[in-house]
Amino acid sequence: MIEIPIGLPAELVPLSWLIGVWEGSGVIDYAVGDGSVSREFGQRVSFSHDGLPYLNYTSYTWLDDEERTPLVAESGYWRLHRTQLEGDPGPAMLPATAPRPFTTAESVETLRNSDGGFDLEVALVHPGGVSELYLGQVKGPRIDLATDAVMRTAGSKPYAAATRLYGLVDAHLLWAWDVAAMGQDLRTHASARLAKVD
């Protein structure tokens, strides 16, 4: 059963099943050159909100070894994909000039797409100089995402595209991540199973 927190902005209800801190383990399995990398890792993911119509996201991973060697981190924002209106703040720090839109369940329902889900956009930043913009949809307790844009600094490693799949299965957050990186075409990269810890 999915519980909807009291005071949650109406636009976040389709994403409410993600909110919380999740921890678990997964597997990396990716071809690099003539070889491949296959390792187990641990992960801690947090989805939270600050009263605005988006989720704050952070992820921290470590290799599953005796030292819990730090692996990678990422952070970003998840929100329903829609046109920004006068009731939304921005750009930059400009305040909204009208009441906040989509504050009721009925108004959020108008955002439902023809497939019965809600279009979604996710912006993620990696400390290695990569930023990703994903587009996709949330439909019940399932999210499908694909990169619309990948931006890299001159010093970052080659990374061209990705897809991600998230699902709530037996009260666990399962995810899979395919990437096109290091000269490879889009292929399986990593997956994990996480349990809610708060």
N, C-alpha and C. Protein backbone atom coordinates (compact mmCIF):
# COMPACT_ATOMS: atom_id res chain seq x y z
N MET A 1 0.83 -1.17 0.00
CA MET A 1 0.00 0.00 0.00
C MET A 1 0.89 1.25 0.00
N ILE A 2 0.49 2.24 -0.77
CA ILE A 2 1.24 3.49 -0.85
C ILE A 2 0.58 4.52 0.06
N GLU A 3 1.37 5.09 0.98
CA GLU A 3 0.87 6.12 1.87
C GLU A 3 1.25 7.48 1.32
N ILE A 4 0.29 8.41 1.31
CA ILE A 4 0.55 9.76 0.83
C ILE A 4 0.74 10.66 2.04
N PRO A 5 1.93 11.26 2.19
CA PRO A 5 2.19 12.11 3.35
C PRO A 5 1.25 13.31 3.41
N ILE A 6 0.89 13.71 4.62
CA ILE A 6 0.07 14.90 4.82
C ILE A 6 0.88 16.12 4.40
N GLY A 7 0.24 17.07 3.72
CA GLY A 7 0.91 18.29 3.30
C GLY A 7 1.72 18.16 2.03
N LEU A 8 1.63 17.02 1.36
CA LEU A 8 2.37 16.82 0.12
C LEU A 8 1.76 17.68 -0.99
N PRO A 9 2.59 18.44 -1.74
CA PRO A 9 2.04 19.18 -2.87
C PRO A 9 1.32 18.22 -3.83
N ALA A 10 0.17 18.64 -4.34
CA ALA A 10 -0.66 17.77 -5.17
C ALA A 10 0.10 17.20 -6.36
N GLU A 11 1.01 17.97 -6.95
CA GLU A 11 1.77 17.49 -8.11
C GLU A 11 2.70 16.33 -7.77
N LEU A 12 2.99 16.13 -6.49
CA LEU A 12 3.90 15.05 -6.11
C LEU A 12 3.18 13.74 -5.79
N VAL A 13 1.87 13.76 -5.76
CA VAL A 13 1.13 12.53 -5.42
C VAL A 13 1.50 11.37 -6.35
N PRO A 14 1.63 11.57 -7.68
CA PRO A 14 2.03 10.44 -8.54
C PRO A 14 3.42 9.88 -8.21
N LEU A 15 4.26 10.68 -7.53
CA LEU A 15 5.61 10.25 -7.17
C LEU A 15 5.75 9.92 -5.69
N SER A 16 4.65 9.96 -4.96
CA SER A 16 4.71 9.84 -3.49
C SER A 16 5.32 8.52 -3.02
N TRP A 17 5.20 7.46 -3.80
CA TRP A 17 5.73 6.15 -3.40
C TRP A 17 7.26 6.14 -3.33
N LEU A 18 7.91 7.15 -3.92
CA LEU A 18 9.37 7.24 -3.86
C LEU A 18 9.88 7.88 -2.58
N ILE A 19 9.05 8.71 -1.93
CA ILE A 19 9.52 9.54 -0.82
C ILE A 19 10.03 8.70 0.34
N GLY A 20 11.22 9.05 0.80
CA GLY A 20 11.84 8.36 1.92
C GLY A 20 13.30 8.06 1.63
N VAL A 21 13.91 7.33 2.52
CA VAL A 21 15.30 6.90 2.37
C VAL A 21 15.29 5.40 2.13
N TRP A 22 16.03 4.98 1.11
CA TRP A 22 16.09 3.59 0.68
C TRP A 22 17.55 3.13 0.71
N GLU A 23 17.76 1.89 1.11
CA GLU A 23 19.13 1.36 1.13
C GLU A 23 19.11 -0.11 0.73
N GLY A 24 20.16 -0.51 0.04
CA GLY A 24 20.24 -1.91 -0.38
C GLY A 24 21.51 -2.15 -1.17
N SER A 25 21.43 -3.13 -2.07
CA SER A 25 22.62 -3.51 -2.83
C SER A 25 22.25 -3.79 -4.27
N GLY A 26 23.30 -3.83 -5.10
CA GLY A 26 23.08 -4.08 -6.51
C GLY A 26 24.33 -4.60 -7.17
N VAL A 27 24.26 -4.68 -8.50
CA VAL A 27 25.36 -5.24 -9.29
C VAL A 27 25.65 -4.33 -10.47
N ILE A 28 26.94 -4.07 -10.71
CA ILE A 28 27.42 -3.39 -11.91
C ILE A 28 27.92 -4.48 -12.84
N ASP A 29 27.54 -4.44 -14.09
CA ASP A 29 28.04 -5.39 -15.09
C ASP A 29 28.07 -4.66 -16.42
N TYR A 30 29.27 -4.22 -16.84
CA TYR A 30 29.37 -3.37 -18.02
C TYR A 30 30.66 -3.66 -18.77
N ALA A 31 30.55 -3.76 -20.10
CA ALA A 31 31.72 -3.98 -20.95
C ALA A 31 32.51 -2.69 -21.09
N VAL A 32 33.84 -2.79 -20.91
CA VAL A 32 34.74 -1.66 -21.10
C VAL A 32 35.90 -2.16 -21.94
N GLY A 33 35.98 -1.66 -23.17
CA GLY A 33 37.02 -2.13 -24.08
C GLY A 33 36.85 -3.61 -24.37
N ASP A 34 37.94 -4.38 -24.23
CA ASP A 34 37.88 -5.83 -24.47
C ASP A 34 37.49 -6.61 -23.22
N GLY A 35 37.34 -5.91 -22.11
CA GLY A 35 36.99 -6.59 -20.86
C GLY A 35 35.63 -6.14 -20.35
N SER A 36 35.40 -6.43 -19.09
CA SER A 36 34.14 -5.99 -18.48
C SER A 36 34.37 -5.75 -16.99
N VAL A 37 33.49 -4.95 -16.42
CA VAL A 37 33.50 -4.67 -15.00
C VAL A 37 32.28 -5.35 -14.40
N SER A 38 32.49 -6.15 -13.39
CA SER A 38 31.38 -6.81 -12.70
C SER A 38 31.66 -6.72 -11.21
N ARG A 39 30.86 -5.91 -10.49
CA ARG A 39 31.08 -5.70 -9.05
C ARG A 39 29.75 -5.56 -8.35
N GLU A 40 29.75 -5.89 -7.07
CA GLU A 40 28.59 -5.64 -6.23
C GLU A 40 28.79 -4.31 -5.52
N PHE A 41 27.69 -3.61 -5.24
CA PHE A 41 27.78 -2.31 -4.58
C PHE A 41 26.62 -2.14 -3.61
N GLY A 42 26.80 -1.20 -2.68
CA GLY A 42 25.73 -0.79 -1.79
C GLY A 42 25.26 0.60 -2.19
N GLN A 43 24.03 0.94 -1.83
CA GLN A 43 23.49 2.23 -2.23
C GLN A 43 22.52 2.75 -1.18
N ARG A 44 22.54 4.07 -1.01
CA ARG A 44 21.57 4.77 -0.17
C ARG A 44 20.99 5.90 -1.01
N VAL A 45 19.67 5.91 -1.16
CA VAL A 45 18.95 6.88 -1.99
C VAL A 45 17.96 7.62 -1.11
N SER A 46 17.84 8.92 -1.34
CA SER A 46 16.86 9.72 -0.61
C SER A 46 16.01 10.52 -1.59
N PHE A 47 14.69 10.45 -1.40
CA PHE A 47 13.73 11.29 -2.11
C PHE A 47 13.01 12.11 -1.05
N SER A 48 13.06 13.43 -1.17
CA SER A 48 12.40 14.29 -0.19
C SER A 48 11.78 15.48 -0.92
N HIS A 49 11.01 16.28 -0.17
CA HIS A 49 10.46 17.49 -0.78
C HIS A 49 10.50 18.61 0.26
N ASP A 50 10.46 19.83 -0.23
CA ASP A 50 10.53 20.99 0.65
C ASP A 50 9.29 21.87 0.52
N GLY A 51 8.18 21.27 0.10
CA GLY A 51 6.93 22.00 -0.05
C GLY A 51 6.69 22.53 -1.45
N LEU A 52 7.68 22.41 -2.32
CA LEU A 52 7.52 22.83 -3.71
C LEU A 52 7.22 21.59 -4.57
N PRO A 53 6.72 21.77 -5.79
CA PRO A 53 6.24 20.64 -6.58
C PRO A 53 7.33 19.85 -7.30
N TYR A 54 8.37 19.47 -6.57
CA TYR A 54 9.40 18.59 -7.12
C TYR A 54 9.99 17.78 -5.97
N LEU A 55 10.62 16.67 -6.33
CA LEU A 55 11.33 15.86 -5.33
C LEU A 55 12.81 16.19 -5.40
N ASN A 56 13.44 16.29 -4.23
CA ASN A 56 14.90 16.37 -4.13
C ASN A 56 15.41 14.94 -4.12
N TYR A 57 16.50 14.68 -4.82
CA TYR A 57 17.03 13.32 -4.95
C TYR A 57 18.52 13.32 -4.68
N THR A 58 18.98 12.36 -3.88
CA THR A 58 20.41 12.12 -3.72
C THR A 58 20.65 10.61 -3.71
N SER A 59 21.79 10.23 -4.24
CA SER A 59 22.19 8.83 -4.25
C SER A 59 23.68 8.75 -3.93
N TYR A 60 24.03 7.83 -3.05
CA TYR A 60 25.43 7.59 -2.70
C TYR A 60 25.66 6.09 -2.79
N THR A 61 26.74 5.69 -3.47
CA THR A 61 27.05 4.26 -3.61
C THR A 61 28.48 3.97 -3.16
N TRP A 62 28.68 2.71 -2.81
CA TRP A 62 30.00 2.24 -2.38
C TRP A 62 30.19 0.81 -2.86
N LEU A 63 31.44 0.44 -3.08
CA LEU A 63 31.73 -0.94 -3.44
C LEU A 63 31.47 -1.84 -2.24
N ASP A 64 30.98 -3.02 -2.52
CA ASP A 64 30.67 -3.97 -1.45
C ASP A 64 31.94 -4.74 -1.10
N ASP A 65 32.88 -4.02 -0.45
CA ASP A 65 34.12 -4.63 -0.01
C ASP A 65 34.30 -4.31 1.48
N GLU A 66 35.38 -4.78 2.08
CA GLU A 66 35.59 -4.58 3.52
C GLU A 66 35.68 -3.11 3.89
N GLU A 67 36.21 -2.28 3.01
CA GLU A 67 36.39 -0.86 3.30
C GLU A 67 35.17 0.00 2.95
N ARG A 68 34.16 -0.60 2.30
CA ARG A 68 33.03 0.17 1.77
C ARG A 68 33.56 1.36 0.97
N THR A 69 34.42 1.04 0.00
CA THR A 69 35.07 2.06 -0.82
C THR A 69 34.03 2.91 -1.53
N PRO A 70 34.07 4.25 -1.33
CA PRO A 70 33.10 5.12 -2.01
C PRO A 70 33.17 4.92 -3.53
N LEU A 71 32.00 4.91 -4.17
CA LEU A 71 31.93 4.67 -5.61
C LEU A 71 31.53 5.96 -6.32
N VAL A 72 30.26 6.30 -6.33
CA VAL A 72 29.79 7.52 -6.99
C VAL A 72 28.62 8.11 -6.21
N ALA A 73 28.33 9.37 -6.52
CA ALA A 73 27.17 10.05 -5.95
C ALA A 73 26.50 10.81 -7.07
N GLU A 74 25.23 11.10 -6.89
CA GLU A 74 24.50 11.95 -7.83
C GLU A 74 23.38 12.65 -7.07
N SER A 75 22.96 13.78 -7.59
CA SER A 75 21.84 14.49 -6.97
C SER A 75 21.03 15.17 -8.06
N GLY A 76 19.80 15.54 -7.70
CA GLY A 76 18.97 16.19 -8.71
C GLY A 76 17.55 16.42 -8.25
N TYR A 77 16.68 16.64 -9.24
CA TYR A 77 15.29 16.99 -9.00
C TYR A 77 14.39 16.20 -9.93
N TRP A 78 13.26 15.74 -9.40
CA TRP A 78 12.25 15.00 -10.16
C TRP A 78 10.95 15.80 -10.10
N ARG A 79 10.31 16.00 -11.25
CA ARG A 79 9.03 16.70 -11.26
C ARG A 79 8.19 16.27 -12.45
N LEU A 80 6.88 16.50 -12.33
CA LEU A 80 6.01 16.26 -13.47
C LEU A 80 6.38 17.24 -14.57
N HIS A 81 6.39 16.77 -15.79
CA HIS A 81 6.73 17.60 -16.93
C HIS A 81 5.52 18.43 -17.33
N ARG A 82 5.68 19.75 -17.26
CA ARG A 82 4.62 20.66 -17.69
C ARG A 82 5.24 22.02 -17.93
N THR A 83 4.51 22.87 -18.61
CA THR A 83 4.96 24.24 -18.85
C THR A 83 4.98 25.00 -17.54
N GLN A 84 6.03 25.76 -17.31
CA GLN A 84 6.11 26.61 -16.13
C GLN A 84 5.21 27.83 -16.35
N LEU A 85 4.41 28.15 -15.33
CA LEU A 85 3.41 29.21 -15.44
C LEU A 85 3.75 30.39 -14.53
N GLU A 86 2.93 31.42 -14.57
CA GLU A 86 3.17 32.60 -13.74
C GLU A 86 3.15 32.27 -12.24
N GLY A 87 2.47 31.21 -11.86
CA GLY A 87 2.42 30.80 -10.46
C GLY A 87 3.63 30.01 -10.00
N ASP A 88 4.57 29.76 -10.90
CA ASP A 88 5.82 29.06 -10.57
C ASP A 88 6.93 30.09 -10.38
N PRO A 89 7.82 29.90 -9.41
CA PRO A 89 8.94 30.82 -9.27
C PRO A 89 9.93 30.66 -10.42
N GLY A 90 10.78 31.66 -10.60
CA GLY A 90 11.83 31.59 -11.61
C GLY A 90 11.46 32.39 -12.84
N PRO A 91 12.41 32.53 -13.77
CA PRO A 91 13.73 31.92 -13.71
C PRO A 91 14.60 32.55 -12.63
N ALA A 92 15.69 31.86 -12.35
CA ALA A 92 16.62 32.26 -11.29
C ALA A 92 15.85 32.40 -9.98
N MET A 93 15.94 33.52 -9.28
CA MET A 93 15.27 33.68 -7.98
C MET A 93 14.04 34.58 -8.05
N LEU A 94 13.50 34.77 -9.24
CA LEU A 94 12.31 35.59 -9.37
C LEU A 94 11.11 34.90 -8.73
N PRO A 95 10.36 35.58 -7.89
CA PRO A 95 9.20 34.97 -7.25
C PRO A 95 8.04 34.80 -8.23
N ALA A 96 7.12 33.91 -7.89
CA ALA A 96 5.91 33.71 -8.69
C ALA A 96 5.10 35.00 -8.69
N THR A 97 4.35 35.20 -9.77
CA THR A 97 3.52 36.41 -9.90
C THR A 97 2.03 36.09 -9.91
N ALA A 98 1.68 34.86 -9.56
CA ALA A 98 0.28 34.42 -9.51
C ALA A 98 0.19 33.28 -8.50
N PRO A 99 -1.01 32.85 -8.14
CA PRO A 99 -1.13 31.71 -7.24
C PRO A 99 -0.52 30.44 -7.85
N ARG A 100 -0.03 29.56 -6.98
CA ARG A 100 0.58 28.32 -7.44
C ARG A 100 -0.44 27.48 -8.21
N PRO A 101 -0.07 26.97 -9.40
CA PRO A 101 -1.00 26.14 -10.17
C PRO A 101 -1.01 24.69 -9.67
N PHE A 102 -1.99 23.93 -10.08
CA PHE A 102 -2.07 22.49 -9.84
C PHE A 102 -1.98 22.14 -8.35
N THR A 103 -2.86 22.71 -7.58
CA THR A 103 -2.85 22.50 -6.13
C THR A 103 -3.90 21.51 -5.66
N THR A 104 -4.72 20.99 -6.58
CA THR A 104 -5.75 20.02 -6.21
C THR A 104 -5.58 18.75 -7.03
N ALA A 105 -6.16 17.66 -6.54
CA ALA A 105 -6.10 16.40 -7.27
C ALA A 105 -6.75 16.55 -8.65
N GLU A 106 -7.84 17.30 -8.70
CA GLU A 106 -8.55 17.49 -9.97
C GLU A 106 -7.67 18.22 -10.99
N SER A 107 -6.94 19.24 -10.54
CA SER A 107 -6.09 19.97 -11.48
C SER A 107 -4.90 19.13 -11.92
N VAL A 108 -4.35 18.32 -11.02
CA VAL A 108 -3.24 17.44 -11.40
C VAL A 108 -3.70 16.40 -12.41
N GLU A 109 -4.93 15.93 -12.28
CA GLU A 109 -5.47 14.95 -13.23
C GLU A 109 -5.44 15.48 -14.66
N THR A 110 -5.52 16.79 -14.85
CA THR A 110 -5.47 17.35 -16.20
C THR A 110 -4.10 17.15 -16.84
N LEU A 111 -3.09 16.81 -16.04
CA LEU A 111 -1.74 16.57 -16.55
C LEU A 111 -1.53 15.12 -17.00
N ARG A 112 -2.51 14.25 -16.72
CA ARG A 112 -2.36 12.84 -17.09
C ARG A 112 -2.22 12.73 -18.61
N ASN A 113 -1.30 11.87 -19.07
CA ASN A 113 -1.07 11.72 -20.52
C ASN A 113 -2.01 10.69 -21.13
N SER A 114 -1.95 10.52 -22.43
CA SER A 114 -2.87 9.62 -23.14
C SER A 114 -2.61 8.15 -22.82
N ASP A 115 -1.46 7.85 -22.21
CA ASP A 115 -1.13 6.48 -21.82
C ASP A 115 -1.62 6.16 -20.40
N GLY A 116 -2.21 7.16 -19.74
CA GLY A 116 -2.72 6.94 -18.38
C GLY A 116 -1.72 7.26 -17.29
N GLY A 117 -0.53 7.73 -17.66
CA GLY A 117 0.48 8.10 -16.68
C GLY A 117 0.67 9.61 -16.67
N PHE A 118 1.79 10.03 -16.09
CA PHE A 118 2.15 11.44 -16.04
C PHE A 118 3.55 11.60 -16.63
N ASP A 119 3.69 12.56 -17.55
CA ASP A 119 5.02 12.83 -18.09
C ASP A 119 5.91 13.37 -16.98
N LEU A 120 7.18 13.02 -17.07
CA LEU A 120 8.11 13.27 -15.98
C LEU A 120 9.41 13.83 -16.54
N GLU A 121 10.06 14.72 -15.79
CA GLU A 121 11.41 15.14 -16.14
C GLU A 121 12.28 15.05 -14.90
N VAL A 122 13.50 14.61 -15.12
CA VAL A 122 14.46 14.40 -14.04
C VAL A 122 15.79 15.02 -14.45
N ALA A 123 16.31 15.91 -13.63
CA ALA A 123 17.61 16.53 -13.88
C ALA A 123 18.59 16.01 -12.84
N LEU A 124 19.68 15.38 -13.29
CA LEU A 124 20.68 14.80 -12.39
C LEU A 124 22.06 15.37 -12.69
N VAL A 125 22.84 15.52 -11.62
CA VAL A 125 24.21 16.02 -11.74
C VAL A 125 25.15 15.03 -11.06
N HIS A 126 26.25 14.74 -11.74
CA HIS A 126 27.28 13.84 -11.21
C HIS A 126 28.55 14.67 -10.96
N PRO A 127 29.28 14.41 -9.88
CA PRO A 127 30.47 15.22 -9.58
C PRO A 127 31.61 15.05 -10.59
N GLY A 128 31.53 14.05 -11.45
CA GLY A 128 32.57 13.84 -12.46
C GLY A 128 32.39 14.68 -13.71
N GLY A 129 31.51 15.70 -13.66
CA GLY A 129 31.36 16.60 -14.79
C GLY A 129 30.26 16.24 -15.77
N VAL A 130 29.30 15.42 -15.36
CA VAL A 130 28.20 15.02 -16.24
C VAL A 130 26.88 15.49 -15.65
N SER A 131 26.04 16.07 -16.51
CA SER A 131 24.67 16.44 -16.15
C SER A 131 23.73 15.76 -17.13
N GLU A 132 22.64 15.20 -16.62
CA GLU A 132 21.68 14.49 -17.46
C GLU A 132 20.29 15.08 -17.30
N LEU A 133 19.55 15.18 -18.40
CA LEU A 133 18.14 15.52 -18.37
C LEU A 133 17.39 14.32 -18.92
N TYR A 134 16.57 13.71 -18.07
CA TYR A 134 15.76 12.57 -18.47
C TYR A 134 14.32 13.01 -18.68
N LEU A 135 13.66 12.42 -19.67
CA LEU A 135 12.23 12.55 -19.86
C LEU A 135 11.64 11.16 -19.82
N GLY A 136 10.41 11.06 -19.36
CA GLY A 136 9.77 9.76 -19.30
C GLY A 136 8.39 9.88 -18.71
N GLN A 137 7.97 8.83 -18.01
CA GLN A 137 6.67 8.87 -17.39
C GLN A 137 6.63 8.05 -16.12
N VAL A 138 5.74 8.45 -15.23
CA VAL A 138 5.40 7.67 -14.05
C VAL A 138 3.98 7.17 -14.27
N LYS A 139 3.79 5.89 -14.10
CA LYS A 139 2.47 5.27 -14.27
C LYS A 139 2.30 4.28 -13.13
N GLY A 140 1.53 4.70 -12.12
CA GLY A 140 1.44 3.88 -10.92
C GLY A 140 2.81 3.79 -10.29
N PRO A 141 3.18 2.61 -9.76
CA PRO A 141 4.49 2.48 -9.12
C PRO A 141 5.60 2.05 -10.09
N ARG A 142 5.62 2.65 -11.28
CA ARG A 142 6.65 2.35 -12.28
C ARG A 142 7.06 3.65 -12.97
N ILE A 143 8.36 3.80 -13.19
CA ILE A 143 8.91 4.97 -13.88
C ILE A 143 9.85 4.50 -14.97
N ASP A 144 9.65 5.02 -16.18
CA ASP A 144 10.53 4.77 -17.32
C ASP A 144 11.13 6.10 -17.75
N LEU A 145 12.46 6.16 -17.87
CA LEU A 145 13.15 7.39 -18.22
C LEU A 145 14.18 7.13 -19.32
N ALA A 146 14.41 8.14 -20.16
CA ALA A 146 15.48 8.10 -21.16
C ALA A 146 16.08 9.50 -21.25
N THR A 147 17.38 9.57 -21.45
CA THR A 147 18.02 10.89 -21.53
C THR A 147 17.53 11.65 -22.76
N ASP A 148 17.23 12.92 -22.54
CA ASP A 148 16.92 13.85 -23.62
C ASP A 148 18.17 14.67 -23.93
N ALA A 149 19.01 14.85 -22.91
CA ALA A 149 20.27 15.58 -23.09
C ALA A 149 21.29 15.10 -22.07
N VAL A 150 22.54 15.03 -22.50
CA VAL A 150 23.67 14.75 -21.61
C VAL A 150 24.70 15.84 -21.87
N MET A 151 25.08 16.54 -20.81
CA MET A 151 26.11 17.57 -20.92
C MET A 151 27.33 17.11 -20.14
N ARG A 152 28.53 17.33 -20.75
CA ARG A 152 29.77 16.90 -20.11
C ARG A 152 30.78 18.02 -20.15
N THR A 153 31.57 18.11 -19.08
CA THR A 153 32.69 19.03 -19.10
C THR A 153 33.80 18.43 -19.97
N ALA A 154 34.76 19.26 -20.36
CA ALA A 154 35.86 18.79 -21.22
C ALA A 154 36.65 17.67 -20.56
N GLY A 155 36.69 17.64 -19.22
CA GLY A 155 37.48 16.63 -18.54
C GLY A 155 36.72 15.38 -18.12
N SER A 156 35.43 15.32 -18.41
CA SER A 156 34.65 14.15 -17.98
C SER A 156 34.91 12.95 -18.88
N LYS A 157 34.58 11.78 -18.39
CA LYS A 157 34.74 10.56 -19.19
C LYS A 157 33.60 10.46 -20.20
N PRO A 158 33.82 9.76 -21.31
CA PRO A 158 32.79 9.64 -22.36
C PRO A 158 31.50 9.00 -21.82
N TYR A 159 30.39 9.70 -22.06
CA TYR A 159 29.07 9.27 -21.60
C TYR A 159 28.06 9.91 -22.53
N ALA A 160 27.26 9.12 -23.26
CA ALA A 160 26.43 9.67 -24.32
C ALA A 160 24.93 9.61 -24.06
N ALA A 161 24.44 8.57 -23.40
CA ALA A 161 22.99 8.41 -23.23
C ALA A 161 22.71 7.37 -22.14
N ALA A 162 21.46 7.36 -21.68
CA ALA A 162 21.09 6.40 -20.65
C ALA A 162 19.58 6.22 -20.61
N THR A 163 19.16 5.09 -20.07
CA THR A 163 17.76 4.86 -19.72
C THR A 163 17.74 4.34 -18.29
N ARG A 164 16.65 4.62 -17.58
CA ARG A 164 16.48 4.12 -16.23
C ARG A 164 15.06 3.63 -16.05
N LEU A 165 14.92 2.59 -15.26
CA LEU A 165 13.62 2.02 -14.93
C LEU A 165 13.56 1.88 -13.41
N TYR A 166 12.48 2.37 -12.80
CA TYR A 166 12.26 2.25 -11.36
C TYR A 166 10.90 1.60 -11.14
N GLY A 167 10.81 0.77 -10.11
CA GLY A 167 9.53 0.17 -9.79
C GLY A 167 9.44 -0.19 -8.32
N LEU A 168 8.23 -0.15 -7.81
CA LEU A 168 7.96 -0.57 -6.44
C LEU A 168 7.42 -1.98 -6.51
N VAL A 169 8.19 -2.94 -5.98
CA VAL A 169 7.82 -4.35 -6.04
C VAL A 169 7.97 -4.95 -4.65
N ASP A 170 6.87 -5.46 -4.10
CA ASP A 170 6.90 -6.06 -2.76
C ASP A 170 7.56 -5.13 -1.74
N ALA A 171 7.17 -3.86 -1.76
CA ALA A 171 7.66 -2.83 -0.83
C ALA A 171 9.14 -2.51 -0.99
N HIS A 172 9.76 -2.92 -2.09
CA HIS A 172 11.15 -2.62 -2.39
C HIS A 172 11.23 -1.74 -3.63
N LEU A 173 12.21 -0.84 -3.64
CA LEU A 173 12.48 -0.02 -4.81
C LEU A 173 13.51 -0.76 -5.66
N LEU A 174 13.08 -1.18 -6.84
CA LEU A 174 13.98 -1.85 -7.78
C LEU A 174 14.28 -0.88 -8.91
N TRP A 175 15.53 -0.87 -9.37
CA TRP A 175 15.86 -0.03 -10.50
C TRP A 175 16.89 -0.71 -11.40
N ALA A 176 16.89 -0.29 -12.67
CA ALA A 176 17.87 -0.76 -13.65
C ALA A 176 18.32 0.45 -14.47
N TRP A 177 19.60 0.48 -14.81
CA TRP A 177 20.20 1.62 -15.50
C TRP A 177 21.02 1.10 -16.66
N ASP A 178 20.67 1.49 -17.88
CA ASP A 178 21.44 1.17 -19.08
C ASP A 178 22.16 2.45 -19.50
N VAL A 179 23.41 2.33 -19.95
CA VAL A 179 24.17 3.50 -20.37
C VAL A 179 24.92 3.24 -21.67
N ALA A 180 25.17 4.33 -22.39
CA ALA A 180 26.08 4.34 -23.53
C ALA A 180 27.27 5.18 -23.08
N ALA A 181 28.37 4.50 -22.76
CA ALA A 181 29.53 5.18 -22.20
C ALA A 181 30.81 4.47 -22.63
N MET A 182 31.93 5.20 -22.52
CA MET A 182 33.24 4.65 -22.80
C MET A 182 33.30 4.00 -24.20
N GLY A 183 32.60 4.61 -25.17
CA GLY A 183 32.62 4.12 -26.55
C GLY A 183 31.66 2.98 -26.83
N GLN A 184 30.86 2.58 -25.84
CA GLN A 184 29.93 1.47 -26.02
C GLN A 184 28.54 1.99 -26.41
N ASP A 185 27.77 1.16 -27.12
CA ASP A 185 26.37 1.48 -27.38
C ASP A 185 25.58 1.30 -26.09
N LEU A 186 24.33 1.75 -26.10
CA LEU A 186 23.46 1.61 -24.93
C LEU A 186 23.33 0.14 -24.56
N ARG A 187 23.67 -0.16 -23.30
CA ARG A 187 23.61 -1.55 -22.83
C ARG A 187 23.46 -1.59 -21.32
N THR A 188 23.13 -2.75 -20.80
CA THR A 188 22.95 -2.95 -19.36
C THR A 188 24.17 -2.48 -18.61
N HIS A 189 23.93 -1.75 -17.51
CA HIS A 189 25.03 -1.21 -16.71
C HIS A 189 24.92 -1.63 -15.25
N ALA A 190 23.80 -1.33 -14.61
CA ALA A 190 23.67 -1.63 -13.17
C ALA A 190 22.21 -1.79 -12.80
N SER A 191 21.98 -2.46 -11.68
CA SER A 191 20.63 -2.61 -11.13
C SER A 191 20.76 -2.83 -9.64
N ALA A 192 19.66 -2.55 -8.91
CA ALA A 192 19.70 -2.72 -7.45
C ALA A 192 18.31 -2.95 -6.91
N ARG A 193 18.29 -3.45 -5.68
CA ARG A 193 17.06 -3.66 -4.92
C ARG A 193 17.25 -2.96 -3.57
N LEU A 194 16.38 -2.00 -3.26
CA LEU A 194 16.51 -1.18 -2.07
C LEU A 194 15.28 -1.30 -1.18
N ALA A 195 15.50 -1.28 0.11
CA ALA A 195 14.41 -1.31 1.09
C ALA A 195 14.32 0.03 1.78
N LYS A 196 13.12 0.45 2.14
CA LYS A 196 12.94 1.72 2.83
C LYS A 196 13.48 1.60 4.25
N VAL A 197 14.30 2.58 4.66
CA VAL A 197 14.91 2.53 5.98
C VAL A 197 14.38 3.60 6.91
N ASP A 198 13.48 4.47 6.42
CA ASP A 198 12.83 5.44 7.33
C ASP A 198 11.39 5.64 6.94
